[in-house]
Structure formats: structure tokens, C-alpha cells
């Protein structure tokens, strides 16, 4: 049994230990504003690898990764490419929208980040 089995299903946000705390705060806030709880873990990897590992840990199969440079990736375990990718230096509002999009994948609502797309799982 993993830590994700305890408590409610969550979108897992995996952040590099050196990731900017403000980015993580915005991602968590964006998902939680959509009514989907989040759980945070620390992983020493880049954003996309963190997101993929987070999606595996999530009972909802959705993970967000945050790299040391502040890049963000959102992944669904059943979809190969990332659903959302944001480079380092992206506006904080986009980080919040990326977190919201992670929640929107769970709830089935349209995505909000420009250029974001998700294939049918």
C-alpha cells in the first residue's frame, strides 16, 4: 500500500527539492480551486519525469511535475505525451491554470491553459 492509498484520491504534485516554492503553491492552489485535493512529494528529477512518477502514485492517475528550474508538466497515466508543459519562467497565473487543468482532467472539464490538449485515454 502506498501513501496515496491513505485518505482521499488526489492529484499528486511531485517537485524537485530545488523547485521554486511559489510554483508549487500555485499548482496546488489551482487544482484545489477546482475542488480536487492534491498531495505533494519530493523527487530529484526534471518536470516531466516527476509528473510521470506522480501520475503513477495518484489514485486519480494524474500527476504534476515541477523541475528545479520551475518548469511544469501535467501528465495523465493513460496518455503518453504531457497534457500541459510550461517552461521555466512562466507567469505564476499559468502555474495556477496548470494545476487547475490537472483537476479538470479528473473532472472532465475543458482545459484552460493555452495550447493544452488531452487525448482520450
PDB file of N, CA and C in Angstrom:
ATOM      1  N   UNK A   1       0.858  -1.178   0.000  1.00  0.00           N
ATOM      2  CA  UNK A   1       0.000   0.000   0.000  1.00  0.00           C
ATOM      3  C   UNK A   1       0.899   1.234   0.000  1.00  0.00           C
ATOM      4  N   UNK A   2       0.595   2.186  -0.886  1.00  0.00           N
ATOM      5  CA  UNK A   2       1.398   3.401  -0.955  1.00  0.00           C
ATOM      6  C   UNK A   2       0.739   4.517  -0.161  1.00  0.00           C
ATOM      7  N   UNK A   3       1.483   5.599  -0.003  1.00  0.00           N
ATOM      8  CA  UNK A   3       0.948   6.752   0.733  1.00  0.00           C
ATOM      9  C   UNK A   3      -0.289   7.307   0.056  1.00  0.00           C
ATOM     10  N   UNK A   4      -0.395   7.126  -1.284  1.00  0.00           N
ATOM     11  CA  UNK A   4      -1.547   7.663  -1.992  1.00  0.00           C
ATOM     12  C   UNK A   4      -2.821   6.891  -1.673  1.00  0.00           C
ATOM     13  N   UNK A   5      -2.699   5.686  -1.066  1.00  0.00           N
ATOM     14  CA  UNK A   5      -3.876   4.903  -0.697  1.00  0.00           C
ATOM     15  C   UNK A   5      -4.526   5.413   0.579  1.00  0.00           C
ATOM     16  N   UNK A   6      -3.824   6.245   1.334  1.00  0.00           N
ATOM     17  CA  UNK A   6      -4.356   6.806   2.564  1.00  0.00           C
ATOM     18  C   UNK A   6      -5.148   8.067   2.240  1.00  0.00           C
ATOM     19  N   UNK A   7      -6.335   8.182   2.780  1.00  0.00           N
ATOM     20  CA  UNK A   7      -7.116   9.394   2.589  1.00  0.00           C
ATOM     21  C   UNK A   7      -7.776   9.469   1.226  1.00  0.00           C
ATOM     22  N   UNK A   8      -8.231  10.660   0.854  1.00  0.00           N
ATOM     23  CA  UNK A   8      -8.979  10.819  -0.391  1.00  0.00           C
ATOM     24  C   UNK A   8      -8.069  10.711  -1.610  1.00  0.00           C
ATOM     25  N   UNK A   9      -8.638  10.348  -2.766  1.00  0.00           N
ATOM     26  CA  UNK A   9      -7.860  10.356  -4.004  1.00  0.00           C
ATOM     27  C   UNK A   9      -7.370  11.775  -4.287  1.00  0.00           C
ATOM     28  N   UNK A  10      -6.142  11.892  -4.771  1.00  0.00           N
ATOM     29  CA  UNK A  10      -5.559  13.206  -5.010  1.00  0.00           C
ATOM     30  C   UNK A  10      -4.830  13.259  -6.340  1.00  0.00           C
ATOM     31  N   UNK A  11      -4.646  14.470  -6.837  1.00  0.00           N
ATOM     32  CA  UNK A  11      -3.675  14.737  -7.885  1.00  0.00           C
ATOM     33  C   UNK A  11      -2.350  14.854  -7.148  1.00  0.00           C
ATOM     34  N   UNK A  12      -1.349  14.098  -7.570  1.00  0.00           N
ATOM     35  CA  UNK A  12      -0.053  14.145  -6.905  1.00  0.00           C
ATOM     36  C   UNK A  12       0.837  15.156  -7.614  1.00  0.00           C
ATOM     37  N   UNK A  13       1.430  16.043  -6.834  1.00  0.00           N
ATOM     38  CA  UNK A  13       2.358  17.050  -7.339  1.00  0.00           C
ATOM     39  C   UNK A  13       3.744  16.671  -6.850  1.00  0.00           C
ATOM     40  N   UNK A  14       4.625  16.304  -7.798  1.00  0.00           N
ATOM     41  CA  UNK A  14       5.993  15.914  -7.464  1.00  0.00           C
ATOM     42  C   UNK A  14       6.931  17.054  -7.840  1.00  0.00           C
ATOM     43  N   UNK A  15       7.674  17.546  -6.882  1.00  0.00           N
ATOM     44  CA  UNK A  15       8.570  18.682  -7.118  1.00  0.00           C
ATOM     45  C   UNK A  15      10.012  18.301  -6.799  1.00  0.00           C
ATOM     46  N   UNK A  16      10.901  18.800  -7.612  1.00  0.00           N
ATOM     47  CA  UNK A  16      12.334  18.664  -7.347  1.00  0.00           C
ATOM     48  C   UNK A  16      12.627  19.387  -6.038  1.00  0.00           C
ATOM     49  N   UNK A  17      13.609  18.917  -5.250  1.00  0.00           N
ATOM     50  CA  UNK A  17      13.906  19.589  -3.980  1.00  0.00           C
ATOM     51  C   UNK A  17      14.264  21.068  -4.134  1.00  0.00           C
ATOM     52  N   UNK A  18      14.801  21.462  -5.285  1.00  0.00           N
ATOM     53  CA  UNK A  18      15.181  22.857  -5.511  1.00  0.00           C
ATOM     54  C   UNK A  18      14.113  23.640  -6.270  1.00  0.00           C
ATOM     55  N   UNK A  19      12.945  23.031  -6.498  1.00  0.00           N
ATOM     56  CA  UNK A  19      11.878  23.727  -7.231  1.00  0.00           C
ATOM     57  C   UNK A  19      11.431  24.972  -6.470  1.00  0.00           C
ATOM     58  N   UNK A  20      11.091  26.033  -7.203  1.00  0.00           N
ATOM     59  CA  UNK A  20      10.620  27.247  -6.535  1.00  0.00           C
ATOM     60  C   UNK A  20       9.326  26.987  -5.762  1.00  0.00           C
ATOM     61  N   UNK A  21       9.303  27.283  -4.472  1.00  0.00           N
ATOM     62  CA  UNK A  21       8.093  27.040  -3.673  1.00  0.00           C
ATOM     63  C   UNK A  21       6.860  27.762  -4.215  1.00  0.00           C
ATOM     64  N   UNK A  22       7.034  28.921  -4.803  1.00  0.00           N
ATOM     65  CA  UNK A  22       5.886  29.672  -5.324  1.00  0.00           C
ATOM     66  C   UNK A  22       5.207  28.923  -6.469  1.00  0.00           C
ATOM     67  N   UNK A  23       5.984  28.213  -7.276  1.00  0.00           N
ATOM     68  CA  UNK A  23       5.396  27.439  -8.375  1.00  0.00           C
ATOM     69  C   UNK A  23       4.531  26.320  -7.793  1.00  0.00           C
ATOM     70  N   UNK A  24       5.068  25.579  -6.840  1.00  0.00           N
ATOM     71  CA  UNK A  24       4.303  24.500  -6.218  1.00  0.00           C
ATOM     72  C   UNK A  24       3.036  25.039  -5.561  1.00  0.00           C
ATOM     73  N   UNK A  25       3.156  26.163  -4.871  1.00  0.00           N
ATOM     74  CA  UNK A  25       1.996  26.758  -4.200  1.00  0.00           C
ATOM     75  C   UNK A  25       0.890  27.071  -5.220  1.00  0.00           C
ATOM     76  N   UNK A  26       1.243  27.639  -6.360  1.00  0.00           N
ATOM     77  CA  UNK A  26       0.253  27.986  -7.387  1.00  0.00           C
ATOM     78  C   UNK A  26      -0.376  26.747  -8.009  1.00  0.00           C
ATOM     79  N   UNK A  27       0.433  25.718  -8.266  1.00  0.00           N
ATOM     80  CA  UNK A  27      -0.095  24.479  -8.846  1.00  0.00           C
ATOM     81  C   UNK A  27      -1.103  23.847  -7.888  1.00  0.00           C
ATOM     82  N   UNK A  28      -0.735  23.715  -6.626  1.00  0.00           N
ATOM     83  CA  UNK A  28      -1.662  23.154  -5.631  1.00  0.00           C
ATOM     84  C   UNK A  28      -2.937  23.986  -5.553  1.00  0.00           C
ATOM     85  N   UNK A  29      -2.801  25.300  -5.509  1.00  0.00           N
ATOM     86  CA  UNK A  29      -3.969  26.182  -5.401  1.00  0.00           C
ATOM     87  C   UNK A  29      -4.890  26.018  -6.601  1.00  0.00           C
ATOM     88  N   UNK A  30      -4.313  25.922  -7.795  1.00  0.00           N
ATOM     89  CA  UNK A  30      -5.129  25.781  -8.999  1.00  0.00           C
ATOM     90  C   UNK A  30      -5.977  24.526  -8.984  1.00  0.00           C
ATOM     91  N   UNK A  31      -5.399  23.408  -8.561  1.00  0.00           N
ATOM     92  CA  UNK A  31      -6.162  22.154  -8.500  1.00  0.00           C
ATOM     93  C   UNK A  31      -7.232  22.226  -7.418  1.00  0.00           C
ATOM     94  N   UNK A  32      -6.846  22.748  -6.270  1.00  0.00           N
ATOM     95  CA  UNK A  32      -7.784  22.790  -5.157  1.00  0.00           C
ATOM     96  C   UNK A  32      -8.935  23.765  -5.411  1.00  0.00           C
ATOM     97  N   UNK A  33      -8.694  24.811  -6.209  1.00  0.00           N
ATOM     98  CA  UNK A  33      -9.787  25.724  -6.590  1.00  0.00           C
ATOM     99  C   UNK A  33     -10.841  25.013  -7.429  1.00  0.00           C
ATOM    100  N   UNK A  34     -10.435  23.940  -8.103  1.00  0.00           N
ATOM    101  CA  UNK A  34     -11.373  23.158  -8.918  1.00  0.00           C
ATOM    102  C   UNK A  34     -12.032  22.059  -8.088  1.00  0.00           C
ATOM    103  N   UNK A  35     -11.716  22.011  -6.786  1.00  0.00           N
ATOM    104  CA  UNK A  35     -12.339  21.045  -5.895  1.00  0.00           C
ATOM    105  C   UNK A  35     -11.657  19.689  -5.862  1.00  0.00           C
ATOM    106  N   UNK A  36     -10.430  19.617  -6.374  1.00  0.00           N
ATOM    107  CA  UNK A  36      -9.703  18.351  -6.377  1.00  0.00           C
ATOM    108  C   UNK A  36      -8.513  18.477  -5.421  1.00  0.00           C
ATOM    109  N   UNK A  37      -8.437  17.611  -4.413  1.00  0.00           N
ATOM    110  CA  UNK A  37      -7.327  17.703  -3.462  1.00  0.00           C
ATOM    111  C   UNK A  37      -5.999  17.284  -4.101  1.00  0.00           C
ATOM    112  N   UNK A  38      -4.922  17.775  -3.528  1.00  0.00           N
ATOM    113  CA  UNK A  38      -3.586  17.445  -4.008  1.00  0.00           C
ATOM    114  C   UNK A  38      -2.759  16.857  -2.875  1.00  0.00           C
ATOM    115  N   UNK A  39      -1.714  16.149  -3.265  1.00  0.00           N
ATOM    116  CA  UNK A  39      -0.723  15.647  -2.320  1.00  0.00           C
ATOM    117  C   UNK A  39       0.638  15.958  -2.921  1.00  0.00           C
ATOM    118  N   UNK A  40       1.581  16.338  -2.090  1.00  0.00           N
ATOM    119  CA  UNK A  40       2.906  16.689  -2.585  1.00  0.00           C
ATOM    120  C   UNK A  40       3.947  15.656  -2.216  1.00  0.00           C
ATOM    121  N   UNK A  41       4.866  15.412  -3.147  1.00  0.00           N
ATOM    122  CA  UNK A  41       6.027  14.559  -2.898  1.00  0.00           C
ATOM    123  C   UNK A  41       7.250  15.264  -3.478  1.00  0.00           C
ATOM    124  N   UNK A  42       8.407  14.902  -2.991  1.00  0.00           N
ATOM    125  CA  UNK A  42       9.658  15.465  -3.479  1.00  0.00           C
ATOM    126  C   UNK A  42      10.411  14.380  -4.229  1.00  0.00           C
ATOM    127  N   UNK A  43      10.810  14.674  -5.462  1.00  0.00           N
ATOM    128  CA  UNK A  43      11.569  13.739  -6.287  1.00  0.00           C
ATOM    129  C   UNK A  43      12.707  14.483  -6.969  1.00  0.00           C
ATOM    130  N   UNK A  44      13.890  13.902  -7.004  1.00  0.00           N
ATOM    131  CA  UNK A  44      15.044  14.577  -7.598  1.00  0.00           C
ATOM    132  C   UNK A  44      15.129  14.361  -9.109  1.00  0.00           C
ATOM    133  N   UNK A  45      14.180  14.927  -9.859  1.00  0.00           N
ATOM    134  CA  UNK A  45      14.173  14.735 -11.308  1.00  0.00           C
ATOM    135  C   UNK A  45      13.642  15.977 -11.999  1.00  0.00           C
ATOM    136  N   UNK A  46      13.660  15.962 -13.336  1.00  0.00           N
ATOM    137  CA  UNK A  46      13.128  17.087 -14.094  1.00  0.00           C
ATOM    138  C   UNK A  46      11.601  16.993 -14.131  1.00  0.00           C
ATOM    139  N   UNK A  47      10.947  18.040 -14.628  1.00  0.00           N
ATOM    140  CA  UNK A  47       9.490  18.168 -14.534  1.00  0.00           C
ATOM    141  C   UNK A  47       8.728  16.990 -15.134  1.00  0.00           C
ATOM    142  N   UNK A  48       9.068  16.593 -16.347  1.00  0.00           N
ATOM    143  CA  UNK A  48       8.303  15.534 -17.000  1.00  0.00           C
ATOM    144  C   UNK A  48       8.459  14.197 -16.282  1.00  0.00           C
ATOM    145  N   UNK A  49       9.660  13.857 -15.873  1.00  0.00           N
ATOM    146  CA  UNK A  49       9.868  12.610 -15.133  1.00  0.00           C
ATOM    147  C   UNK A  49       9.135  12.653 -13.789  1.00  0.00           C
ATOM    148  N   UNK A  50       9.150  13.799 -13.125  1.00  0.00           N
ATOM    149  CA  UNK A  50       8.405  13.953 -11.867  1.00  0.00           C
ATOM    150  C   UNK A  50       6.913  13.765 -12.106  1.00  0.00           C
ATOM    151  N   UNK A  51       6.398  14.350 -13.190  1.00  0.00           N
ATOM    152  CA  UNK A  51       4.964  14.245 -13.489  1.00  0.00           C
ATOM    153  C   UNK A  51       4.561  12.802 -13.752  1.00  0.00           C
ATOM    154  N   UNK A  52       5.385  12.086 -14.504  1.00  0.00           N
ATOM    155  CA  UNK A  52       5.062  10.684 -14.795  1.00  0.00           C
ATOM    156  C   UNK A  52       5.073   9.842 -13.517  1.00  0.00           C
ATOM    157  N   UNK A  53       6.053  10.069 -12.668  1.00  0.00           N
ATOM    158  CA  UNK A  53       6.113   9.349 -11.395  1.00  0.00           C
ATOM    159  C   UNK A  53       4.925   9.717 -10.507  1.00  0.00           C
ATOM    160  N   UNK A  54       4.532  10.971 -10.529  1.00  0.00           N
ATOM    161  CA  UNK A  54       3.392  11.421  -9.734  1.00  0.00           C
ATOM    162  C   UNK A  54       2.093  10.788 -10.226  1.00  0.00           C
ATOM    163  N   UNK A  55       1.920  10.681 -11.541  1.00  0.00           N
ATOM    164  CA  UNK A  55       0.705  10.079 -12.095  1.00  0.00           C
ATOM    165  C   UNK A  55       0.572   8.618 -11.671  1.00  0.00           C
ATOM    166  N   UNK A  56       1.692   7.911 -11.584  1.00  0.00           N
ATOM    167  CA  UNK A  56       1.678   6.520 -11.132  1.00  0.00           C
ATOM    168  C   UNK A  56       1.278   6.444  -9.664  1.00  0.00           C
ATOM    169  N   UNK A  57       1.688   7.426  -8.868  1.00  0.00           N
ATOM    170  CA  UNK A  57       1.369   7.449  -7.431  1.00  0.00           C
ATOM    171  C   UNK A  57      -0.068   7.896  -7.155  1.00  0.00           C
ATOM    172  N   UNK A  58      -0.688   8.589  -8.101  1.00  0.00           N
ATOM    173  CA  UNK A  58      -2.022   9.167  -7.905  1.00  0.00           C
ATOM    174  C   UNK A  58      -3.112   8.136  -8.165  1.00  0.00           C
ATOM    175  N   UNK A  59      -4.028   7.988  -7.222  1.00  0.00           N
ATOM    176  CA  UNK A  59      -5.193   7.117  -7.461  1.00  0.00           C
ATOM    177  C   UNK A  59      -6.065   7.678  -8.572  1.00  0.00           C
ATOM    178  N   UNK A  60      -5.949   8.979  -8.846  1.00  0.00           N
ATOM    179  CA  UNK A  60      -6.696   9.606  -9.940  1.00  0.00           C
ATOM    180  C   UNK A  60      -5.941   9.510 -11.261  1.00  0.00           C
ATOM    181  N   UNK A  61      -4.713   9.001 -11.223  1.00  0.00           N
ATOM    182  CA  UNK A  61      -3.841   8.814 -12.382  1.00  0.00           C
ATOM    183  C   UNK A  61      -3.418  10.118 -13.049  1.00  0.00           C
ATOM    184  N   UNK A  62      -3.411  11.202 -12.288  1.00  0.00           N
ATOM    185  CA  UNK A  62      -2.981  12.496 -12.797  1.00  0.00           C
ATOM    186  C   UNK A  62      -1.859  13.011 -11.911  1.00  0.00           C
ATOM    187  N   UNK A  63      -0.769  13.414 -12.561  1.00  0.00           N
ATOM    188  CA  UNK A  63       0.370  13.920 -11.818  1.00  0.00           C
ATOM    189  C   UNK A  63       0.900  15.204 -12.408  1.00  0.00           C
ATOM    190  N   UNK A  64       1.460  16.024 -11.552  1.00  0.00           N
ATOM    191  CA  UNK A  64       2.107  17.272 -11.962  1.00  0.00           C
ATOM    192  C   UNK A  64       3.550  17.191 -11.492  1.00  0.00           C
ATOM    193  N   UNK A  65       4.468  17.563 -12.376  1.00  0.00           N
ATOM    194  CA  UNK A  65       5.869  17.597 -12.013  1.00  0.00           C
ATOM    195  C   UNK A  65       6.401  19.012 -12.089  1.00  0.00           C
ATOM    196  N   UNK A  66       7.262  19.357 -11.157  1.00  0.00           N
ATOM    197  CA  UNK A  66       7.886  20.683 -11.134  1.00  0.00           C
ATOM    198  C   UNK A  66       9.392  20.467 -11.046  1.00  0.00           C
ATOM    199  N   UNK A  67      10.105  20.969 -12.047  1.00  0.00           N
ATOM    200  CA  UNK A  67      11.550  20.818 -12.076  1.00  0.00           C
ATOM    201  C   UNK A  67      12.253  21.857 -11.220  1.00  0.00           C
ATOM    202  N   UNK A  68      13.549  21.665 -11.045  1.00  0.00           N
ATOM    203  CA  UNK A  68      14.357  22.596 -10.251  1.00  0.00           C
ATOM    204  C   UNK A  68      14.316  23.998 -10.823  1.00  0.00           C
ATOM    205  N   UNK A  69      14.143  24.105 -12.140  1.00  0.00           N
ATOM    206  CA  UNK A  69      14.120  25.410 -12.801  1.00  0.00           C
ATOM    207  C   UNK A  69      12.736  26.054 -12.807  1.00  0.00           C
ATOM    208  N   UNK A  70      11.719  25.362 -12.280  1.00  0.00           N
ATOM    209  CA  UNK A  70      10.359  25.893 -12.250  1.00  0.00           C
ATOM    210  C   UNK A  70       9.505  25.466 -13.432  1.00  0.00           C
ATOM    211  N   UNK A  71      10.058  24.639 -14.330  1.00  0.00           N
ATOM    212  CA  UNK A  71       9.245  24.099 -15.426  1.00  0.00           C
ATOM    213  C   UNK A  71       8.174  23.188 -14.831  1.00  0.00           C
ATOM    214  N   UNK A  72       7.015  23.120 -15.518  1.00  0.00           N
ATOM    215  CA  UNK A  72       5.881  22.338 -15.022  1.00  0.00           C
ATOM    216  C   UNK A  72       5.391  21.414 -16.133  1.00  0.00           C
ATOM    217  N   UNK A  73       5.037  20.194 -15.766  1.00  0.00           N
ATOM    218  CA  UNK A  73       4.427  19.250 -16.693  1.00  0.00           C
ATOM    219  C   UNK A  73       3.242  18.594 -15.994  1.00  0.00           C
ATOM    220  N   UNK A  74       2.158  18.384 -16.756  1.00  0.00           N
ATOM    221  CA  UNK A  74       0.972  17.697 -16.255  1.00  0.00           C
ATOM    222  C   UNK A  74       0.788  16.448 -17.117  1.00  0.00           C
ATOM    223  N   UNK A  75       0.616  15.306 -16.455  1.00  0.00           N
ATOM    224  CA  UNK A  75       0.534  14.026 -17.152  1.00  0.00           C
ATOM    225  C   UNK A  75      -0.652  13.227 -16.637  1.00  0.00           C
ATOM    226  N   UNK A  76      -1.318  12.531 -17.560  1.00  0.00           N
ATOM    227  CA  UNK A  76      -2.306  11.514 -17.188  1.00  0.00           C
ATOM    228  C   UNK A  76      -1.643  10.172 -17.454  1.00  0.00           C
ATOM    229  N   UNK A  77      -1.796   9.240 -16.542  1.00  0.00           N
ATOM    230  CA  UNK A  77      -1.108   7.954 -16.653  1.00  0.00           C
ATOM    231  C   UNK A  77      -1.467   7.200 -17.934  1.00  0.00           C
ATOM    232  N   UNK A  78      -2.636   7.437 -18.495  1.00  0.00           N
ATOM    233  CA  UNK A  78      -3.066   6.706 -19.685  1.00  0.00           C
ATOM    234  C   UNK A  78      -2.779   7.440 -20.985  1.00  0.00           C
ATOM    235  N   UNK A  79      -2.195   8.625 -20.910  1.00  0.00           N
ATOM    236  CA  UNK A  79      -1.898   9.417 -22.101  1.00  0.00           C
ATOM    237  C   UNK A  79      -0.379   9.558 -22.194  1.00  0.00           C
ATOM    238  N   UNK A  80       0.197   9.191 -23.320  1.00  0.00           N
ATOM    239  CA  UNK A  80       1.644   9.218 -23.478  1.00  0.00           C
ATOM    240  C   UNK A  80       2.291  10.578 -23.303  1.00  0.00           C
ATOM    241  N   UNK A  81       1.985  11.530 -24.178  1.00  0.00           N
ATOM    242  CA  UNK A  81       2.643  12.839 -24.063  1.00  0.00           C
ATOM    243  C   UNK A  81       2.047  13.666 -22.928  1.00  0.00           C
ATOM    244  N   UNK A  82       2.811  14.647 -22.439  1.00  0.00           N
ATOM    245  CA  UNK A  82       2.260  15.512 -21.388  1.00  0.00           C
ATOM    246  C   UNK A  82       1.038  16.275 -21.895  1.00  0.00           C
ATOM    247  N   UNK A  83       0.102  16.476 -21.020  1.00  0.00           N
ATOM    248  CA  UNK A  83      -1.109  17.225 -21.356  1.00  0.00           C
ATOM    249  C   UNK A  83      -0.800  18.716 -21.377  1.00  0.00           C
ATOM    250  N   UNK A  84       0.011  19.168 -20.436  1.00  0.00           N
ATOM    251  CA  UNK A  84       0.426  20.564 -20.325  1.00  0.00           C
ATOM    252  C   UNK A  84       1.918  20.580 -20.027  1.00  0.00           C
ATOM    253  N   UNK A  85       2.647  21.455 -20.692  1.00  0.00           N
ATOM    254  CA  UNK A  85       4.056  21.698 -20.360  1.00  0.00           C
ATOM    255  C   UNK A  85       4.276  23.199 -20.336  1.00  0.00           C
ATOM    256  N   UNK A  86       4.900  23.664 -19.276  1.00  0.00           N
ATOM    257  CA  UNK A  86       5.236  25.077 -19.142  1.00  0.00           C
ATOM    258  C   UNK A  86       6.738  25.195 -18.903  1.00  0.00           C
ATOM    259  N   UNK A  87       7.413  26.048 -19.659  1.00  0.00           N
ATOM    260  CA  UNK A  87       8.854  26.209 -19.446  1.00  0.00           C
ATOM    261  C   UNK A  87       9.143  27.022 -18.185  1.00  0.00           C
ATOM    262  N   UNK A  88      10.388  26.962 -17.756  1.00  0.00           N
ATOM    263  CA  UNK A  88      10.826  27.786 -16.628  1.00  0.00           C
ATOM    264  C   UNK A  88      10.562  29.243 -16.951  1.00  0.00           C
ATOM    265  N   UNK A  89      10.223  30.021 -15.942  1.00  0.00           N
ATOM    266  CA  UNK A  89       9.995  31.447 -16.136  1.00  0.00           C
ATOM    267  C   UNK A  89       8.590  31.808 -16.574  1.00  0.00           C
ATOM    268  N   UNK A  90       7.696  30.826 -16.618  1.00  0.00           N
ATOM    269  CA  UNK A  90       6.310  31.091 -16.997  1.00  0.00           C
ATOM    270  C   UNK A  90       5.626  31.903 -15.897  1.00  0.00           C
ATOM    271  N   UNK A  91       4.675  32.727 -16.296  1.00  0.00           N
ATOM    272  CA  UNK A  91       3.903  33.563 -15.375  1.00  0.00           C
ATOM    273  C   UNK A  91       3.209  32.706 -14.304  1.00  0.00           C
ATOM    274  N   UNK A  92       3.183  33.168 -13.051  1.00  0.00           N
ATOM    275  CA  UNK A  92       2.536  32.403 -11.978  1.00  0.00           C
ATOM    276  C   UNK A  92       1.070  32.054 -12.256  1.00  0.00           C
ATOM    277  N   UNK A  93       0.378  32.899 -12.975  1.00  0.00           N
ATOM    278  CA  UNK A  93      -1.012  32.589 -13.316  1.00  0.00           C
ATOM    279  C   UNK A  93      -1.125  31.334 -14.161  1.00  0.00           C
ATOM    280  N   UNK A  94      -0.130  31.099 -14.999  1.00  0.00           N
ATOM    281  CA  UNK A  94      -0.127  29.879 -15.819  1.00  0.00           C
ATOM    282  C   UNK A  94       0.132  28.646 -14.947  1.00  0.00           C
ATOM    283  N   UNK A  95       0.951  28.798 -13.915  1.00  0.00           N
ATOM    284  CA  UNK A  95       1.174  27.682 -12.992  1.00  0.00           C
ATOM    285  C   UNK A  95      -0.138  27.298 -12.325  1.00  0.00           C
ATOM    286  N   UNK A  96      -0.894  28.299 -11.929  1.00  0.00           N
ATOM    287  CA  UNK A  96      -2.183  28.056 -11.273  1.00  0.00           C
ATOM    288  C   UNK A  96      -3.142  27.391 -12.262  1.00  0.00           C
ATOM    289  N   UNK A  97      -3.149  27.866 -13.514  1.00  0.00           N
ATOM    290  CA  UNK A  97      -4.018  27.255 -14.524  1.00  0.00           C
ATOM    291  C   UNK A  97      -3.595  25.806 -14.804  1.00  0.00           C
ATOM    292  N   UNK A  98      -2.293  25.531 -14.775  1.00  0.00           N
ATOM    293  CA  UNK A  98      -1.823  24.152 -14.986  1.00  0.00           C
ATOM    294  C   UNK A  98      -2.335  23.246 -13.873  1.00  0.00           C
ATOM    295  N   UNK A  99      -2.297  23.714 -12.633  1.00  0.00           N
ATOM    296  CA  UNK A  99      -2.866  22.942 -11.530  1.00  0.00           C
ATOM    297  C   UNK A  99      -4.357  22.741 -11.716  1.00  0.00           C
ATOM    298  N   UNK A 100      -5.025  23.795 -12.165  1.00  0.00           N
ATOM    299  CA  UNK A 100      -6.455  23.691 -12.451  1.00  0.00           C
ATOM    300  C   UNK A 100      -6.730  22.694 -13.564  1.00  0.00           C
ATOM    301  N   UNK A 101      -5.851  22.680 -14.574  1.00  0.00           N
ATOM    302  CA  UNK A 101      -6.033  21.724 -15.665  1.00  0.00           C
ATOM    303  C   UNK A 101      -5.828  20.293 -15.201  1.00  0.00           C
ATOM    304  N   UNK A 102      -4.916  20.074 -14.273  1.00  0.00           N
ATOM    305  CA  UNK A 102      -4.742  18.735 -13.708  1.00  0.00           C
ATOM    306  C   UNK A 102      -6.063  18.289 -13.080  1.00  0.00           C
ATOM    307  N   UNK A 103      -6.712  19.187 -12.353  1.00  0.00           N
ATOM    308  CA  UNK A 103      -8.009  18.879 -11.751  1.00  0.00           C
ATOM    309  C   UNK A 103      -9.087  18.710 -12.824  1.00  0.00           C
ATOM    310  N   UNK A 104      -9.031  19.508 -13.873  1.00  0.00           N
ATOM    311  CA  UNK A 104     -10.033  19.418 -14.940  1.00  0.00           C
ATOM    312  C   UNK A 104      -9.942  18.087 -15.684  1.00  0.00           C
ATOM    313  N   UNK A 105      -8.752  17.517 -15.767  1.00  0.00           N
ATOM    314  CA  UNK A 105      -8.623  16.194 -16.369  1.00  0.00           C
ATOM    315  C   UNK A 105      -9.439  15.196 -15.558  1.00  0.00           C
ATOM    316  N   UNK A 106      -9.358  15.305 -14.246  1.00  0.00           N
ATOM    317  CA  UNK A 106     -10.091  14.406 -13.348  1.00  0.00           C
ATOM    318  C   UNK A 106     -11.597  14.608 -13.489  1.00  0.00           C
ATOM    319  N   UNK A 107     -12.026  15.858 -13.561  1.00  0.00           N
ATOM    320  CA  UNK A 107     -13.461  16.148 -13.577  1.00  0.00           C
ATOM    321  C   UNK A 107     -14.076  16.136 -14.975  1.00  0.00           C
ATOM    322  N   UNK A 108     -13.229  16.071 -16.009  1.00  0.00           N
ATOM    323  CA  UNK A 108     -13.742  16.011 -17.379  1.00  0.00           C
ATOM    324  C   UNK A 108     -14.117  17.357 -17.973  1.00  0.00           C
ATOM    325  N   UNK A 109     -13.660  18.443 -17.373  1.00  0.00           N
ATOM    326  CA  UNK A 109     -13.949  19.772 -17.897  1.00  0.00           C
ATOM    327  C   UNK A 109     -12.900  20.179 -18.940  1.00  0.00           C
ATOM    328  N   UNK A 110     -13.211  21.118 -19.834  1.00  0.00           N
ATOM    329  CA  UNK A 110     -12.223  21.597 -20.808  1.00  0.00           C
ATOM    330  C   UNK A 110     -11.012  22.223 -20.111  1.00  0.00           C
ATOM    331  N   UNK A 111      -9.859  22.089 -20.731  1.00  0.00           N
ATOM    332  CA  UNK A 111      -8.637  22.625 -20.174  1.00  0.00           C
ATOM    333  C   UNK A 111      -8.543  24.135 -20.379  1.00  0.00           C
ATOM    334  N   UNK A 112      -7.798  24.817 -19.488  1.00  0.00           N
ATOM    335  CA  UNK A 112      -7.733  26.271 -19.514  1.00  0.00           C
ATOM    336  C   UNK A 112      -6.428  26.832 -20.045  1.00  0.00           C
ATOM    337  N   UNK A 113      -5.312  26.096 -19.972  1.00  0.00           N
ATOM    338  CA  UNK A 113      -4.016  26.607 -20.420  1.00  0.00           C
ATOM    339  C   UNK A 113      -3.990  26.642 -21.941  1.00  0.00           C
ATOM    340  N   UNK A 114      -3.558  27.765 -22.506  1.00  0.00           N
ATOM    341  CA  UNK A 114      -3.478  27.898 -23.945  1.00  0.00           C
ATOM    342  C   UNK A 114      -2.591  26.797 -24.519  1.00  0.00           C
ATOM    343  N   UNK A 115      -3.080  26.137 -25.543  1.00  0.00           N
ATOM    344  CA  UNK A 115      -2.299  25.094 -26.192  1.00  0.00           C
ATOM    345  C   UNK A 115      -2.372  23.746 -25.503  1.00  0.00           C
ATOM    346  N   UNK A 116      -3.060  23.654 -24.378  1.00  0.00           N
ATOM    347  CA  UNK A 116      -3.162  22.377 -23.675  1.00  0.00           C
ATOM    348  C   UNK A 116      -4.140  21.483 -24.411  1.00  0.00           C
ATOM    349  N   UNK A 117      -3.843  20.206 -24.435  1.00  0.00           N
ATOM    350  CA  UNK A 117      -4.765  19.262 -25.060  1.00  0.00           C
ATOM    351  C   UNK A 117      -4.602  17.910 -24.374  1.00  0.00           C
ATOM    352  N   UNK A 118      -5.619  17.130 -24.436  1.00  0.00           N
ATOM    353  CA  UNK A 118      -5.550  15.784 -23.864  1.00  0.00           C
ATOM    354  C   UNK A 118      -6.232  14.833 -24.832  1.00  0.00           C
ATOM    355  N   UNK A 119      -5.577  13.744 -25.117  1.00  0.00           N
ATOM    356  CA  UNK A 119      -6.171  12.710 -25.943  1.00  0.00           C
ATOM    357  C   UNK A 119      -7.101  11.878 -25.092  1.00  0.00           C
ATOM    358  N   UNK A 120      -8.032  11.193 -25.734  1.00  0.00           N
ATOM    359  CA  UNK A 120      -8.914  10.302 -24.987  1.00  0.00           C
ATOM    360  C   UNK A 120      -8.093   9.153 -24.442  1.00  0.00           C
ATOM    361  N   UNK A 121      -8.175   8.906 -23.125  1.00  0.00           N
ATOM    362  CA  UNK A 121      -7.398   7.793 -22.540  1.00  0.00           C
ATOM    363  C   UNK A 121      -7.888   6.457 -23.011  1.00  0.00           C
TER     364      UNK A 121
END
